[in-house]
Amino acid sequence: MQKKISSIPFSGTPEQEAKLKEVIAKNIDDPGAVMPVLQEAQEIYGYLPIEVQTMVAEGLGVPLEEVYGVSTFYSQFALSPKGKYNISVCLGTACYVKGSGDILNKLSEMLGIEAEECTPDGKFSLTACRCIGACGLAPVLTVNDEVYGRLTVNDVPGILEKYQDA
């Protein structure tokens, strides 16, 4: 699954940039610093837009390609912001054969975004994941830490409605 780069404009603050520069400074002499710096950068910004990756690369004196390679290889890193409600649809084998692809498509249609994107208002983000380990409840999706199982496409509107006014 290829990660998408966010279409939402980057809006980092001077405070976030100062924190990132501190993290880079404390790791500058570590030859394996890219991974831990990216982890802390994601904690600071919530995701790793190209602007943050560029700051990390320049600050550590490593090629941007290396930083980008790490941030796109590991699933823990996000290139687009997460919404207030991150909806993650399991596309693992058990869920997929029971219709999770259709559930993902319905969510995409209703939210007006594709997987790995965030709604312009920042309320919802949509993620397709490999397996969340709840195969007995297939098909499964999560909204933040809340798990919904044994779903059908018809369940999608009710789930979204629960979060619309929250």
N, C-alpha and C. Protein backbone atom coordinates (compact mmCIF):
# COMPACT_ATOMS: atom_id res chain seq x y z
N MET A 1 0.84 -1.17 0.00
CA MET A 1 0.00 0.00 0.00
C MET A 1 0.89 1.24 0.00
N GLN A 2 0.81 2.04 -1.00
CA GLN A 2 1.62 3.24 -1.09
C GLN A 2 1.00 4.36 -0.27
N LYS A 3 1.83 5.08 0.47
CA LYS A 3 1.33 6.18 1.29
C LYS A 3 1.09 7.40 0.42
N LYS A 4 0.00 8.10 0.71
CA LYS A 4 -0.30 9.32 -0.02
C LYS A 4 0.25 10.51 0.73
N ILE A 5 0.68 11.49 -0.01
CA ILE A 5 1.14 12.74 0.56
C ILE A 5 -0.07 13.64 0.71
N SER A 6 -0.14 14.34 1.81
CA SER A 6 -1.30 15.16 2.13
C SER A 6 -1.51 16.30 1.14
N SER A 7 -2.79 16.57 0.86
CA SER A 7 -3.13 17.73 0.03
C SER A 7 -3.48 18.93 0.90
N ILE A 8 -3.50 18.73 2.22
CA ILE A 8 -3.80 19.81 3.15
C ILE A 8 -2.50 20.60 3.37
N PRO A 9 -2.56 21.93 3.24
CA PRO A 9 -1.34 22.73 3.39
C PRO A 9 -0.71 22.57 4.78
N PHE A 10 0.61 22.53 4.82
CA PHE A 10 1.35 22.40 6.08
C PHE A 10 1.19 23.68 6.89
N SER A 11 0.94 23.53 8.18
CA SER A 11 0.78 24.71 9.03
C SER A 11 1.46 24.50 10.38
N GLY A 12 2.76 24.29 10.33
CA GLY A 12 3.53 24.14 11.56
C GLY A 12 3.72 25.48 12.26
N THR A 13 3.90 25.41 13.58
CA THR A 13 4.09 26.62 14.38
C THR A 13 5.57 26.81 14.69
N PRO A 14 5.97 28.03 15.04
CA PRO A 14 7.36 28.25 15.47
C PRO A 14 7.73 27.41 16.69
N GLU A 15 6.75 27.17 17.57
CA GLU A 15 7.00 26.35 18.77
C GLU A 15 7.32 24.90 18.37
N GLN A 16 6.57 24.38 17.40
CA GLN A 16 6.82 23.02 16.93
C GLN A 16 8.20 22.93 16.28
N GLU A 17 8.54 23.94 15.49
CA GLU A 17 9.85 23.93 14.84
C GLU A 17 10.98 23.99 15.87
N ALA A 18 10.79 24.79 16.91
CA ALA A 18 11.80 24.89 17.97
C ALA A 18 11.98 23.54 18.67
N LYS A 19 10.87 22.85 18.94
CA LYS A 19 10.95 21.52 19.57
C LYS A 19 11.69 20.54 18.66
N LEU A 20 11.38 20.58 17.37
CA LEU A 20 12.04 19.68 16.43
C LEU A 20 13.54 19.97 16.38
N LYS A 21 13.91 21.23 16.38
CA LYS A 21 15.34 21.59 16.35
C LYS A 21 16.05 21.08 17.61
N GLU A 22 15.37 21.09 18.76
CA GLU A 22 15.94 20.54 20.00
C GLU A 22 16.17 19.04 19.85
N VAL A 23 15.20 18.34 19.29
CA VAL A 23 15.31 16.89 19.09
C VAL A 23 16.47 16.59 18.16
N ILE A 24 16.57 17.34 17.08
CA ILE A 24 17.67 17.13 16.12
C ILE A 24 19.01 17.38 16.80
N ALA A 25 19.10 18.47 17.56
CA ALA A 25 20.36 18.82 18.23
C ALA A 25 20.81 17.73 19.20
N LYS A 26 19.87 17.12 19.92
CA LYS A 26 20.27 16.10 20.89
C LYS A 26 20.64 14.77 20.22
N ASN A 27 20.27 14.61 18.94
CA ASN A 27 20.56 13.37 18.22
C ASN A 27 21.58 13.53 17.10
N ILE A 28 22.11 14.71 16.92
CA ILE A 28 22.95 15.02 15.76
C ILE A 28 24.17 14.12 15.61
N ASP A 29 24.73 13.66 16.71
CA ASP A 29 25.95 12.85 16.63
C ASP A 29 25.68 11.35 16.54
N ASP A 30 24.42 10.95 16.54
CA ASP A 30 24.06 9.54 16.46
C ASP A 30 23.88 9.13 15.00
N PRO A 31 24.70 8.19 14.50
CA PRO A 31 24.58 7.80 13.10
C PRO A 31 23.23 7.15 12.76
N GLY A 32 22.51 6.62 13.75
CA GLY A 32 21.20 6.00 13.51
C GLY A 32 20.05 6.88 13.94
N ALA A 33 20.24 8.19 13.83
CA ALA A 33 19.28 9.14 14.39
C ALA A 33 17.99 9.32 13.60
N VAL A 34 17.97 8.95 12.33
CA VAL A 34 16.81 9.27 11.50
C VAL A 34 15.52 8.71 12.12
N MET A 35 15.51 7.44 12.48
CA MET A 35 14.30 6.80 13.00
C MET A 35 13.82 7.47 14.30
N PRO A 36 14.65 7.60 15.32
CA PRO A 36 14.15 8.23 16.56
C PRO A 36 13.74 9.70 16.36
N VAL A 37 14.44 10.42 15.49
CA VAL A 37 14.07 11.82 15.25
C VAL A 37 12.71 11.88 14.54
N LEU A 38 12.49 11.00 13.58
CA LEU A 38 11.19 10.97 12.91
C LEU A 38 10.07 10.60 13.88
N GLN A 39 10.34 9.68 14.80
CA GLN A 39 9.33 9.31 15.79
C GLN A 39 8.95 10.53 16.64
N GLU A 40 9.95 11.27 17.09
CA GLU A 40 9.66 12.46 17.90
C GLU A 40 9.03 13.56 17.06
N ALA A 41 9.45 13.68 15.79
CA ALA A 41 8.86 14.68 14.90
C ALA A 41 7.37 14.41 14.70
N GLN A 42 7.02 13.13 14.57
CA GLN A 42 5.61 12.79 14.39
C GLN A 42 4.82 13.09 15.67
N GLU A 43 5.45 12.91 16.83
CA GLU A 43 4.77 13.28 18.08
C GLU A 43 4.53 14.79 18.14
N ILE A 44 5.46 15.55 17.64
CA ILE A 44 5.35 17.02 17.66
C ILE A 44 4.29 17.50 16.68
N TYR A 45 4.31 16.99 15.45
CA TYR A 45 3.44 17.50 14.39
C TYR A 45 2.19 16.64 14.15
N GLY A 46 2.21 15.38 14.60
CA GLY A 46 1.09 14.49 14.36
C GLY A 46 1.22 13.70 13.07
N TYR A 47 2.11 14.11 12.20
CA TYR A 47 2.39 13.44 10.94
C TYR A 47 3.70 13.98 10.40
N LEU A 48 4.15 13.45 9.24
CA LEU A 48 5.45 13.83 8.69
C LEU A 48 5.32 14.40 7.28
N PRO A 49 4.86 15.64 7.17
CA PRO A 49 4.80 16.24 5.83
C PRO A 49 6.21 16.45 5.29
N ILE A 50 6.32 16.71 4.00
CA ILE A 50 7.62 16.85 3.36
C ILE A 50 8.42 18.00 3.99
N GLU A 51 7.73 19.02 4.47
CA GLU A 51 8.43 20.14 5.11
C GLU A 51 9.17 19.68 6.37
N VAL A 52 8.54 18.80 7.15
CA VAL A 52 9.18 18.27 8.36
C VAL A 52 10.31 17.32 7.99
N GLN A 53 10.08 16.48 6.98
CA GLN A 53 11.13 15.57 6.53
C GLN A 53 12.35 16.36 6.06
N THR A 54 12.12 17.47 5.38
CA THR A 54 13.21 18.31 4.90
C THR A 54 14.00 18.89 6.07
N MET A 55 13.28 19.37 7.10
CA MET A 55 13.97 19.91 8.29
C MET A 55 14.82 18.84 8.97
N VAL A 56 14.30 17.61 9.04
CA VAL A 56 15.04 16.51 9.66
C VAL A 56 16.29 16.20 8.83
N ALA A 57 16.12 16.09 7.52
CA ALA A 57 17.25 15.77 6.64
C ALA A 57 18.34 16.84 6.75
N GLU A 58 17.94 18.11 6.64
CA GLU A 58 18.93 19.20 6.71
C GLU A 58 19.57 19.27 8.08
N GLY A 59 18.75 19.09 9.12
CA GLY A 59 19.29 19.18 10.49
C GLY A 59 20.27 18.07 10.82
N LEU A 60 20.00 16.86 10.31
CA LEU A 60 20.89 15.72 10.58
C LEU A 60 21.99 15.58 9.55
N GLY A 61 21.89 16.35 8.46
CA GLY A 61 22.90 16.27 7.41
C GLY A 61 22.84 14.96 6.64
N VAL A 62 21.62 14.45 6.44
CA VAL A 62 21.44 13.22 5.66
C VAL A 62 20.59 13.56 4.44
N PRO A 63 20.67 12.74 3.39
CA PRO A 63 19.86 13.02 2.21
C PRO A 63 18.36 12.93 2.51
N LEU A 64 17.60 13.80 1.89
CA LEU A 64 16.15 13.78 2.03
C LEU A 64 15.59 12.42 1.61
N GLU A 65 16.21 11.80 0.60
CA GLU A 65 15.77 10.49 0.14
C GLU A 65 15.80 9.45 1.25
N GLU A 66 16.81 9.53 2.12
CA GLU A 66 16.92 8.59 3.23
C GLU A 66 15.77 8.80 4.22
N VAL A 67 15.51 10.06 4.54
CA VAL A 67 14.43 10.39 5.48
C VAL A 67 13.08 9.96 4.89
N TYR A 68 12.87 10.27 3.62
CA TYR A 68 11.63 9.89 2.94
C TYR A 68 11.49 8.37 2.89
N GLY A 69 12.57 7.69 2.62
CA GLY A 69 12.55 6.22 2.57
C GLY A 69 12.12 5.61 3.89
N VAL A 70 12.65 6.13 4.99
CA VAL A 70 12.28 5.62 6.32
C VAL A 70 10.81 5.95 6.61
N SER A 71 10.41 7.17 6.32
CA SER A 71 9.05 7.59 6.66
C SER A 71 7.98 6.90 5.81
N THR A 72 8.34 6.43 4.62
CA THR A 72 7.36 5.72 3.80
C THR A 72 7.43 4.21 4.00
N PHE A 73 8.54 3.70 4.51
CA PHE A 73 8.68 2.25 4.69
C PHE A 73 7.94 1.76 5.93
N TYR A 74 8.06 2.48 7.03
CA TYR A 74 7.49 2.02 8.29
C TYR A 74 6.05 2.49 8.46
N SER A 75 5.16 1.54 8.78
CA SER A 75 3.73 1.86 8.87
C SER A 75 3.39 2.78 10.04
N GLN A 76 4.29 2.92 11.00
CA GLN A 76 4.01 3.80 12.14
C GLN A 76 4.02 5.28 11.75
N PHE A 77 4.58 5.59 10.59
CA PHE A 77 4.67 6.98 10.16
C PHE A 77 3.54 7.34 9.21
N ALA A 78 2.98 8.54 9.40
CA ALA A 78 1.91 9.04 8.54
C ALA A 78 2.40 10.26 7.78
N LEU A 79 2.11 10.31 6.48
CA LEU A 79 2.50 11.46 5.66
C LEU A 79 1.38 12.48 5.56
N SER A 80 0.21 12.12 6.06
CA SER A 80 -0.91 13.06 6.04
C SER A 80 -1.48 13.16 7.45
N PRO A 81 -2.09 14.29 7.77
CA PRO A 81 -2.60 14.48 9.12
C PRO A 81 -3.75 13.53 9.42
N LYS A 82 -3.91 13.20 10.68
CA LYS A 82 -5.03 12.38 11.12
C LYS A 82 -6.13 13.32 11.60
N GLY A 83 -7.35 12.94 11.32
CA GLY A 83 -8.49 13.73 11.77
C GLY A 83 -8.76 13.52 13.24
N LYS A 84 -9.68 14.30 13.76
CA LYS A 84 -10.12 14.14 15.15
C LYS A 84 -10.58 12.69 15.35
N TYR A 85 -11.24 12.16 14.33
CA TYR A 85 -11.69 10.77 14.35
C TYR A 85 -10.99 10.03 13.22
N ASN A 86 -10.05 9.16 13.57
CA ASN A 86 -9.34 8.38 12.56
C ASN A 86 -10.05 7.05 12.39
N ILE A 87 -10.59 6.85 11.22
CA ILE A 87 -11.30 5.61 10.91
C ILE A 87 -10.33 4.70 10.18
N SER A 88 -10.11 3.53 10.74
CA SER A 88 -9.18 2.57 10.16
C SER A 88 -9.94 1.30 9.80
N VAL A 89 -9.94 0.95 8.54
CA VAL A 89 -10.65 -0.24 8.06
C VAL A 89 -9.64 -1.35 7.83
N CYS A 90 -9.89 -2.49 8.45
CA CYS A 90 -9.00 -3.64 8.29
C CYS A 90 -9.21 -4.27 6.92
N LEU A 91 -8.13 -4.41 6.18
CA LEU A 91 -8.18 -5.09 4.88
C LEU A 91 -7.40 -6.41 4.92
N GLY A 92 -7.21 -6.94 6.13
CA GLY A 92 -6.59 -8.26 6.26
C GLY A 92 -7.47 -9.30 5.61
N THR A 93 -6.95 -10.48 5.41
CA THR A 93 -7.66 -11.51 4.65
C THR A 93 -9.05 -11.80 5.18
N ALA A 94 -9.19 -12.07 6.49
CA ALA A 94 -10.50 -12.42 7.05
C ALA A 94 -11.50 -11.30 6.84
N CYS A 95 -11.08 -10.07 7.08
CA CYS A 95 -11.99 -8.93 6.91
C CYS A 95 -12.30 -8.69 5.43
N TYR A 96 -11.29 -8.81 4.60
CA TYR A 96 -11.49 -8.52 3.18
C TYR A 96 -12.48 -9.48 2.54
N VAL A 97 -12.35 -10.78 2.84
CA VAL A 97 -13.26 -11.75 2.23
C VAL A 97 -14.68 -11.58 2.75
N LYS A 98 -14.84 -10.90 3.87
CA LYS A 98 -16.18 -10.67 4.42
C LYS A 98 -16.70 -9.27 4.08
N GLY A 99 -16.00 -8.54 3.19
CA GLY A 99 -16.55 -7.30 2.66
C GLY A 99 -15.97 -5.99 3.15
N SER A 100 -14.80 -6.02 3.77
CA SER A 100 -14.25 -4.75 4.27
C SER A 100 -13.88 -3.78 3.15
N GLY A 101 -13.57 -4.30 1.97
CA GLY A 101 -13.29 -3.42 0.83
C GLY A 101 -14.50 -2.57 0.48
N ASP A 102 -15.68 -3.17 0.54
CA ASP A 102 -16.92 -2.44 0.27
C ASP A 102 -17.19 -1.40 1.36
N ILE A 103 -16.86 -1.75 2.59
CA ILE A 103 -17.03 -0.81 3.71
C ILE A 103 -16.10 0.39 3.53
N LEU A 104 -14.85 0.12 3.14
CA LEU A 104 -13.90 1.20 2.88
C LEU A 104 -14.42 2.10 1.76
N ASN A 105 -14.93 1.50 0.70
CA ASN A 105 -15.47 2.28 -0.42
C ASN A 105 -16.65 3.15 0.01
N LYS A 106 -17.54 2.62 0.86
CA LYS A 106 -18.69 3.39 1.34
C LYS A 106 -18.23 4.56 2.19
N LEU A 107 -17.28 4.33 3.08
CA LEU A 107 -16.73 5.41 3.90
C LEU A 107 -16.10 6.48 3.02
N SER A 108 -15.34 6.05 2.03
CA SER A 108 -14.69 6.98 1.11
C SER A 108 -15.73 7.84 0.40
N GLU A 109 -16.78 7.20 -0.07
CA GLU A 109 -17.86 7.91 -0.76
C GLU A 109 -18.55 8.91 0.18
N MET A 110 -18.88 8.47 1.39
CA MET A 110 -19.62 9.33 2.32
C MET A 110 -18.77 10.50 2.84
N LEU A 111 -17.47 10.25 3.05
CA LEU A 111 -16.59 11.30 3.59
C LEU A 111 -16.00 12.18 2.49
N GLY A 112 -16.02 11.70 1.25
CA GLY A 112 -15.45 12.47 0.15
C GLY A 112 -13.93 12.46 0.13
N ILE A 113 -13.34 11.44 0.75
CA ILE A 113 -11.87 11.31 0.77
C ILE A 113 -11.51 9.87 0.46
N GLU A 114 -10.26 9.67 0.07
CA GLU A 114 -9.74 8.33 -0.17
C GLU A 114 -8.98 7.88 1.08
N ALA A 115 -8.59 6.61 1.08
CA ALA A 115 -7.77 6.09 2.18
C ALA A 115 -6.49 6.91 2.27
N GLU A 116 -6.03 7.14 3.46
CA GLU A 116 -4.83 7.92 3.80
C GLU A 116 -5.03 9.40 3.57
N GLU A 117 -6.28 9.85 3.60
CA GLU A 117 -6.57 11.28 3.49
C GLU A 117 -7.38 11.73 4.70
N CYS A 118 -7.48 13.04 4.82
CA CYS A 118 -8.20 13.68 5.92
C CYS A 118 -9.21 14.66 5.32
N THR A 119 -10.39 14.74 5.93
CA THR A 119 -11.38 15.69 5.44
C THR A 119 -10.84 17.11 5.64
N PRO A 120 -11.21 18.04 4.76
CA PRO A 120 -10.68 19.41 4.85
C PRO A 120 -10.93 20.08 6.21
N ASP A 121 -12.01 19.69 6.90
CA ASP A 121 -12.29 20.28 8.22
C ASP A 121 -11.50 19.62 9.34
N GLY A 122 -10.73 18.58 9.01
CA GLY A 122 -9.91 17.90 10.01
C GLY A 122 -10.69 16.99 10.94
N LYS A 123 -11.95 16.75 10.66
CA LYS A 123 -12.77 15.93 11.56
C LYS A 123 -12.51 14.43 11.39
N PHE A 124 -12.41 13.97 10.13
CA PHE A 124 -12.25 12.55 9.87
C PHE A 124 -11.02 12.29 9.00
N SER A 125 -10.33 11.20 9.32
CA SER A 125 -9.31 10.69 8.42
C SER A 125 -9.64 9.22 8.19
N LEU A 126 -9.21 8.70 7.06
CA LEU A 126 -9.53 7.34 6.67
C LEU A 126 -8.23 6.60 6.39
N THR A 127 -8.10 5.43 6.99
CA THR A 127 -6.90 4.63 6.85
C THR A 127 -7.29 3.20 6.49
N ALA A 128 -6.54 2.59 5.61
CA ALA A 128 -6.70 1.16 5.32
C ALA A 128 -5.53 0.45 5.98
N CYS A 129 -5.83 -0.50 6.85
CA CYS A 129 -4.73 -1.21 7.53
C CYS A 129 -4.74 -2.69 7.17
N ARG A 130 -3.67 -3.36 7.47
CA ARG A 130 -3.50 -4.76 7.06
C ARG A 130 -4.28 -5.73 7.96
N CYS A 131 -4.10 -5.68 9.26
CA CYS A 131 -4.80 -6.58 10.17
C CYS A 131 -4.72 -5.99 11.56
N ILE A 132 -5.86 -5.97 12.25
CA ILE A 132 -5.83 -5.43 13.62
C ILE A 132 -5.95 -6.55 14.65
N GLY A 133 -6.00 -7.81 14.18
CA GLY A 133 -6.01 -8.93 15.10
C GLY A 133 -7.37 -9.24 15.70
N ALA A 134 -8.44 -8.81 15.06
CA ALA A 134 -9.79 -9.09 15.53
C ALA A 134 -10.53 -9.90 14.46
N CYS A 135 -9.87 -10.91 13.94
CA CYS A 135 -10.40 -11.67 12.80
C CYS A 135 -11.75 -12.32 13.10
N GLY A 136 -11.99 -12.69 14.35
CA GLY A 136 -13.26 -13.30 14.73
C GLY A 136 -14.43 -12.34 14.62
N LEU A 137 -14.14 -11.04 14.54
CA LEU A 137 -15.19 -10.02 14.41
C LEU A 137 -15.31 -9.48 12.99
N ALA A 138 -14.62 -10.12 12.05
CA ALA A 138 -14.54 -9.62 10.67
C ALA A 138 -15.92 -9.40 10.06
N PRO A 139 -16.03 -8.36 9.24
CA PRO A 139 -15.08 -7.27 8.99
C PRO A 139 -15.11 -6.23 10.10
N VAL A 140 -13.95 -5.60 10.31
CA VAL A 140 -13.74 -4.71 11.45
C VAL A 140 -13.24 -3.35 10.99
N LEU A 141 -13.68 -2.32 11.72
CA LEU A 141 -13.07 -1.00 11.59
C LEU A 141 -12.94 -0.42 12.98
N THR A 142 -12.03 0.53 13.12
CA THR A 142 -11.90 1.25 14.38
C THR A 142 -12.08 2.73 14.12
N VAL A 143 -12.64 3.40 15.10
CA VAL A 143 -12.69 4.86 15.11
C VAL A 143 -11.92 5.24 16.36
N ASN A 144 -10.73 5.79 16.15
CA ASN A 144 -9.76 6.00 17.22
C ASN A 144 -9.57 4.66 17.93
N ASP A 145 -9.95 4.52 19.20
CA ASP A 145 -9.73 3.25 19.90
C ASP A 145 -10.99 2.40 20.01
N GLU A 146 -12.08 2.82 19.40
CA GLU A 146 -13.33 2.07 19.47
C GLU A 146 -13.42 1.08 18.31
N VAL A 147 -13.71 -0.19 18.62
CA VAL A 147 -13.74 -1.25 17.62
C VAL A 147 -15.19 -1.56 17.24
N TYR A 148 -15.43 -1.66 15.93
CA TYR A 148 -16.74 -2.04 15.39
C TYR A 148 -16.54 -3.30 14.57
N GLY A 149 -17.27 -4.37 14.89
CA GLY A 149 -17.09 -5.63 14.19
C GLY A 149 -18.38 -6.18 13.62
N ARG A 150 -18.19 -7.24 12.81
CA ARG A 150 -19.29 -7.92 12.10
C ARG A 150 -20.14 -6.91 11.34
N LEU A 151 -19.47 -6.08 10.58
CA LEU A 151 -20.11 -4.96 9.89
C LEU A 151 -20.63 -5.32 8.51
N THR A 152 -21.58 -4.51 8.08
CA THR A 152 -22.03 -4.52 6.69
C THR A 152 -21.95 -3.08 6.20
N VAL A 153 -22.06 -2.89 4.92
CA VAL A 153 -22.05 -1.55 4.34
C VAL A 153 -23.18 -0.71 4.95
N ASN A 154 -24.28 -1.34 5.27
CA ASN A 154 -25.42 -0.62 5.85
C ASN A 154 -25.14 -0.06 7.24
N ASP A 155 -24.11 -0.54 7.92
CA ASP A 155 -23.76 -0.04 9.26
C ASP A 155 -22.99 1.28 9.19
N VAL A 156 -22.39 1.58 8.05
CA VAL A 156 -21.51 2.73 7.91
C VAL A 156 -22.19 4.06 8.24
N PRO A 157 -23.38 4.37 7.68
CA PRO A 157 -24.00 5.67 8.00
C PRO A 157 -24.23 5.87 9.50
N GLY A 158 -24.67 4.83 10.20
CA GLY A 158 -24.91 4.95 11.63
C GLY A 158 -23.65 5.20 12.43
N ILE A 159 -22.57 4.56 12.02
CA ILE A 159 -21.29 4.77 12.71
C ILE A 159 -20.83 6.21 12.50
N LEU A 160 -20.89 6.70 11.27
CA LEU A 160 -20.47 8.07 11.01
C LEU A 160 -21.35 9.08 11.74
N GLU A 161 -22.63 8.81 11.78
CA GLU A 161 -23.57 9.72 12.45
C GLU A 161 -23.20 9.93 13.92
N LYS A 162 -22.73 8.87 14.55
CA LYS A 162 -22.34 8.92 15.95
C LYS A 162 -21.26 9.99 16.21
N TYR A 163 -20.42 10.23 15.21
CA TYR A 163 -19.29 11.15 15.36
C TYR A 163 -19.51 12.51 14.70
N GLN A 164 -20.54 12.63 13.89
CA GLN A 164 -20.78 13.88 13.16
C GLN A 164 -20.92 15.09 14.08
N ASP A 165 -21.70 14.94 15.14
CA ASP A 165 -21.97 16.09 16.02
C ASP A 165 -21.11 16.09 17.26
N ALA A 166 -20.23 15.11 17.37
CA ALA A 166 -19.40 15.02 18.58
C ALA A 166 -18.29 16.06 18.57
